[in-house]
Each structure stands twice: as C-alpha cells, then as structure tokens.
Amino acid sequence: MRILLIASFILSLAACGGSDDKALLGDACEVGTDCEGLVCLQQHAWLFGSLEFPGGYCTNGECNSGNVGMDCAGEDGICLVYNPTGDFDCYLRCLADEECSREDYSCFLFYEDRTQGACVPTIVIPK
C-alpha cells in the first residue's frame, strides 16, 4: 500500500508539470525569471524615442561586441545591436515574417545580401 501511495504521489507531481518551465528565446515575458536566458526585454532607447517590446521578449546575456551577427541560444538566435544605446542582445533568427509567430513582431533582414534576420518589434518610422 505504501509503495502504491508513493508511486501515485510521484505520478501526480509529474502530471502537474514542473514550475521550471521557462520561456524560450523570443517568447513573451514579464520579468527575467520568466525566461530561460533570464533577460526580459520590455523597452529600449531607440533613435526615434523608445522601442517597445510588446508582451516582453525573452533573451539572454550571451552577446557582446565580439559576436555581433553570430549564433546565440544555440543556432536559433543571432546577436545584434538593435538600439543606439549599444546594448547587444540575442534575437530569434528568421528569414521571413512568417517565422516570427508573435503579433507585432516581424523579420528584420540585414546585411547587404539580406541573408540574416531577426524577429523584432514591427517598427513604423515616423514621417
């Protein structure tokens, strides 16, 4: 009987799922602890004022000036400087808007050959 109760308890814990489930790169977040990479972008200074990240954007601290354009978060991410403050962040890699599954986000292609891109907030530049 005791073994049955212990097994039942363990199975019920497994069925509930762990509280360690963390949001992945590019997922929505409210605070850094929501994210696997422990960083939740909400807002950045930007050339035209403030750049908002609708719903938050999970990233990590893997990027610096030495690895811009390189992989981060495995091969799923790319390191970019996407703001004038010089902050380096890891963004979800993409080549088309359809790869950015979140509303208010689109694929920003860069470099002259436009062969690399990142899912970032959709920007409407004021006239």
C-alpha atoms as a PDB file:
ATOM      1  CA  MET A   1       0.000   0.000   0.000  1.00  0.00           C
ATOM      2  CA  ARG A   2       2.797   2.387   0.938  1.00  0.00           C
ATOM      3  CA  ILE A   3       4.580   1.824  -2.416  1.00  0.00           C
ATOM      4  CA  LEU A   4       1.315   2.466  -4.268  1.00  0.00           C
ATOM      5  CA  LEU A   5       0.833   5.777  -2.436  1.00  0.00           C
ATOM      6  CA  ILE A   6       4.409   6.893  -3.152  1.00  0.00           C
ATOM      7  CA  ALA A   7       4.104   5.946  -6.831  1.00  0.00           C
ATOM      8  CA  SER A   8       0.772   7.755  -7.059  1.00  0.00           C
ATOM      9  CA  PHE A   9       2.290  10.879  -5.482  1.00  0.00           C
ATOM     10  CA  ILE A  10       5.254  10.867  -7.901  1.00  0.00           C
ATOM     11  CA  LEU A  11       2.950  10.444 -10.900  1.00  0.00           C
ATOM     12  CA  SER A  12       0.743  13.310  -9.736  1.00  0.00           C
ATOM     13  CA  LEU A  13       3.787  15.585  -9.466  1.00  0.00           C
ATOM     14  CA  ALA A  14       4.893  14.638 -12.971  1.00  0.00           C
ATOM     15  CA  ALA A  15       1.412  15.276 -14.362  1.00  0.00           C
ATOM     16  CA  CYS A  16       1.364  18.786 -12.900  1.00  0.00           C
ATOM     17  CA  GLY A  17       4.498  19.726 -14.771  1.00  0.00           C
ATOM     18  CA  GLY A  18       7.397  21.480 -13.217  1.00  0.00           C
ATOM     19  CA  SER A  19       7.483  25.106 -12.273  1.00  0.00           C
ATOM     20  CA  ASP A  20      10.856  25.238 -14.035  1.00  0.00           C
ATOM     21  CA  ASP A  21       9.214  25.675 -17.450  1.00  0.00           C
ATOM     22  CA  LYS A  22      10.880  28.795 -18.798  1.00  0.00           C
ATOM     23  CA  ALA A  23      10.017  30.865 -21.845  1.00  0.00           C
ATOM     24  CA  LEU A  24      12.445  30.429 -24.730  1.00  0.00           C
ATOM     25  CA  LEU A  25      14.230  32.948 -26.936  1.00  0.00           C
ATOM     26  CA  GLY A  26      11.727  35.380 -28.462  1.00  0.00           C
ATOM     27  CA  ASP A  27       8.835  34.294 -26.234  1.00  0.00           C
ATOM     28  CA  ALA A  28       6.661  36.702 -24.258  1.00  0.00           C
ATOM     29  CA  CYS A  29       7.640  37.531 -20.669  1.00  0.00           C
ATOM     30  CA  GLU A  30       7.015  39.921 -17.820  1.00  0.00           C
ATOM     31  CA  VAL A  31      10.264  39.594 -15.858  1.00  0.00           C
ATOM     32  CA  GLY A  32      13.656  37.992 -16.448  1.00  0.00           C
ATOM     33  CA  THR A  33      12.899  34.979 -14.292  1.00  0.00           C
ATOM     34  CA  ASP A  34      10.139  34.032 -16.770  1.00  0.00           C
ATOM     35  CA  CYS A  35      12.858  33.353 -19.341  1.00  0.00           C
ATOM     36  CA  GLU A  36      15.317  30.529 -19.802  1.00  0.00           C
ATOM     37  CA  GLY A  37      18.008  33.155 -20.527  1.00  0.00           C
ATOM     38  CA  LEU A  38      16.957  35.280 -17.506  1.00  0.00           C
ATOM     39  CA  VAL A  39      16.533  38.516 -19.513  1.00  0.00           C
ATOM     40  CA  CYS A  40      13.158  40.001 -20.455  1.00  0.00           C
ATOM     41  CA  LEU A  41      13.319  42.996 -22.785  1.00  0.00           C
ATOM     42  CA  GLN A  42      10.453  45.426 -22.264  1.00  0.00           C
ATOM     43  CA  GLN A  43      11.752  48.676 -23.693  1.00  0.00           C
ATOM     44  CA  HIS A  44      14.934  50.111 -25.231  1.00  0.00           C
ATOM     45  CA  ALA A  45      16.041  53.604 -26.075  1.00  0.00           C
ATOM     46  CA  TRP A  46      15.930  53.966 -29.847  1.00  0.00           C
ATOM     47  CA  LEU A  47      16.711  56.555 -32.499  1.00  0.00           C
ATOM     48  CA  PHE A  48      13.096  57.731 -32.658  1.00  0.00           C
ATOM     49  CA  GLY A  49      12.408  57.569 -28.941  1.00  0.00           C
ATOM     50  CA  SER A  50      11.514  54.406 -27.099  1.00  0.00           C
ATOM     51  CA  LEU A  51      11.347  50.968 -28.687  1.00  0.00           C
ATOM     52  CA  GLU A  52       8.700  48.813 -27.024  1.00  0.00           C
ATOM     53  CA  PHE A  53       8.775  45.018 -26.970  1.00  0.00           C
ATOM     54  CA  PRO A  54       5.045  44.163 -26.877  1.00  0.00           C
ATOM     55  CA  GLY A  55       4.429  41.428 -24.318  1.00  0.00           C
ATOM     56  CA  GLY A  56       8.140  41.354 -23.449  1.00  0.00           C
ATOM     57  CA  TYR A  57      10.884  39.451 -25.305  1.00  0.00           C
ATOM     58  CA  CYS A  58      12.963  36.698 -23.741  1.00  0.00           C
ATOM     59  CA  THR A  59      16.674  36.880 -24.473  1.00  0.00           C
ATOM     60  CA  ASN A  60      19.939  36.159 -22.672  1.00  0.00           C
ATOM     61  CA  GLY A  61      23.252  37.771 -21.833  1.00  0.00           C
ATOM     62  CA  GLU A  62      25.327  35.854 -24.394  1.00  0.00           C
ATOM     63  CA  CYS A  63      26.019  38.728 -26.788  1.00  0.00           C
ATOM     64  CA  ASN A  64      28.782  41.340 -26.848  1.00  0.00           C
ATOM     65  CA  SER A  65      30.661  43.420 -29.403  1.00  0.00           C
ATOM     66  CA  GLY A  66      32.818  40.442 -30.356  1.00  0.00           C
ATOM     67  CA  ASN A  67      29.967  38.236 -31.563  1.00  0.00           C
ATOM     68  CA  VAL A  68      27.539  40.504 -33.425  1.00  0.00           C
ATOM     69  CA  GLY A  69      25.953  38.551 -36.282  1.00  0.00           C
ATOM     70  CA  MET A  70      26.927  35.247 -34.714  1.00  0.00           C
ATOM     71  CA  ASP A  71      24.791  32.487 -33.207  1.00  0.00           C
ATOM     72  CA  CYS A  72      23.415  32.701 -29.692  1.00  0.00           C
ATOM     73  CA  ALA A  73      20.991  30.430 -27.840  1.00  0.00           C
ATOM     74  CA  GLY A  74      22.264  27.598 -29.992  1.00  0.00           C
ATOM     75  CA  GLU A  75      21.564  28.160 -33.679  1.00  0.00           C
ATOM     76  CA  ASP A  76      18.114  29.671 -33.029  1.00  0.00           C
ATOM     77  CA  GLY A  77      19.394  33.140 -32.207  1.00  0.00           C
ATOM     78  CA  ILE A  78      21.554  35.875 -33.626  1.00  0.00           C
ATOM     79  CA  CYS A  79      23.434  38.621 -31.758  1.00  0.00           C
ATOM     80  CA  LEU A  80      22.501  42.163 -32.770  1.00  0.00           C
ATOM     81  CA  VAL A  81      22.807  45.754 -31.686  1.00  0.00           C
ATOM     82  CA  TYR A  82      19.231  46.861 -32.305  1.00  0.00           C
ATOM     83  CA  ASN A  83      19.337  50.163 -30.461  1.00  0.00           C
ATOM     84  CA  PRO A  84      21.537  53.263 -30.189  1.00  0.00           C
ATOM     85  CA  THR A  85      22.495  52.556 -26.577  1.00  0.00           C
ATOM     86  CA  GLY A  86      24.928  49.937 -27.839  1.00  0.00           C
ATOM     87  CA  ASP A  87      23.276  47.092 -25.929  1.00  0.00           C
ATOM     88  CA  PHE A  88      23.857  43.699 -27.528  1.00  0.00           C
ATOM     89  CA  ASP A  89      21.018  41.213 -27.368  1.00  0.00           C
ATOM     90  CA  CYS A  90      20.209  37.760 -28.693  1.00  0.00           C
ATOM     91  CA  TYR A  91      17.190  37.735 -31.010  1.00  0.00           C
ATOM     92  CA  LEU A  92      15.286  34.878 -32.607  1.00  0.00           C
ATOM     93  CA  ARG A  93      16.762  34.205 -36.066  1.00  0.00           C
ATOM     94  CA  CYS A  94      14.470  34.415 -39.141  1.00  0.00           C
ATOM     95  CA  LEU A  95      14.404  34.958 -42.908  1.00  0.00           C
ATOM     96  CA  ALA A  96      10.698  35.819 -43.336  1.00  0.00           C
ATOM     97  CA  ASP A  97       7.917  37.446 -41.304  1.00  0.00           C
ATOM     98  CA  GLU A  98       6.071  34.111 -41.100  1.00  0.00           C
ATOM     99  CA  GLU A  99       8.857  32.794 -38.877  1.00  0.00           C
ATOM    100  CA  CYS A 100       8.035  35.431 -36.252  1.00  0.00           C
ATOM    101  CA  SER A 101       4.934  33.882 -34.757  1.00  0.00           C
ATOM    102  CA  ARG A 102       4.105  36.701 -32.353  1.00  0.00           C
ATOM    103  CA  GLU A 103       1.743  39.552 -33.170  1.00  0.00           C
ATOM    104  CA  ASP A 104       3.503  42.938 -33.509  1.00  0.00           C
ATOM    105  CA  TYR A 105       6.807  41.267 -34.477  1.00  0.00           C
ATOM    106  CA  SER A 106       8.362  40.924 -37.920  1.00  0.00           C
ATOM    107  CA  CYS A 107      11.578  39.688 -39.503  1.00  0.00           C
ATOM    108  CA  PHE A 108      14.155  42.428 -39.931  1.00  0.00           C
ATOM    109  CA  LEU A 109      16.669  41.420 -42.621  1.00  0.00           C
ATOM    110  CA  PHE A 110      20.106  42.967 -42.503  1.00  0.00           C
ATOM    111  CA  TYR A 111      23.486  42.956 -44.224  1.00  0.00           C
ATOM    112  CA  GLU A 112      23.693  43.884 -47.892  1.00  0.00           C
ATOM    113  CA  ASP A 113      22.794  40.394 -49.065  1.00  0.00           C
ATOM    114  CA  ARG A 114      19.823  40.256 -46.622  1.00  0.00           C
ATOM    115  CA  THR A 115      20.659  36.655 -45.746  1.00  0.00           C
ATOM    116  CA  GLN A 116      20.256  37.032 -41.996  1.00  0.00           C
ATOM    117  CA  GLY A 117      17.375  38.353 -39.991  1.00  0.00           C
ATOM    118  CA  ALA A 118      15.906  38.627 -36.524  1.00  0.00           C
ATOM    119  CA  CYS A 119      12.379  38.716 -35.111  1.00  0.00           C
ATOM    120  CA  VAL A 120      11.993  42.171 -33.625  1.00  0.00           C
ATOM    121  CA  PRO A 121       9.111  44.527 -32.847  1.00  0.00           C
ATOM    122  CA  THR A 122       7.460  45.810 -36.014  1.00  0.00           C
ATOM    123  CA  ILE A 123       8.576  49.401 -36.392  1.00  0.00           C
ATOM    124  CA  VAL A 124       6.653  52.194 -38.015  1.00  0.00           C
ATOM    125  CA  ILE A 125       9.103  55.020 -38.632  1.00  0.00           C
ATOM    126  CA  PRO A 126       7.503  58.442 -38.180  1.00  0.00           C
ATOM    127  CA  LYS A 127       7.494  60.761 -41.174  1.00  0.00           C
END
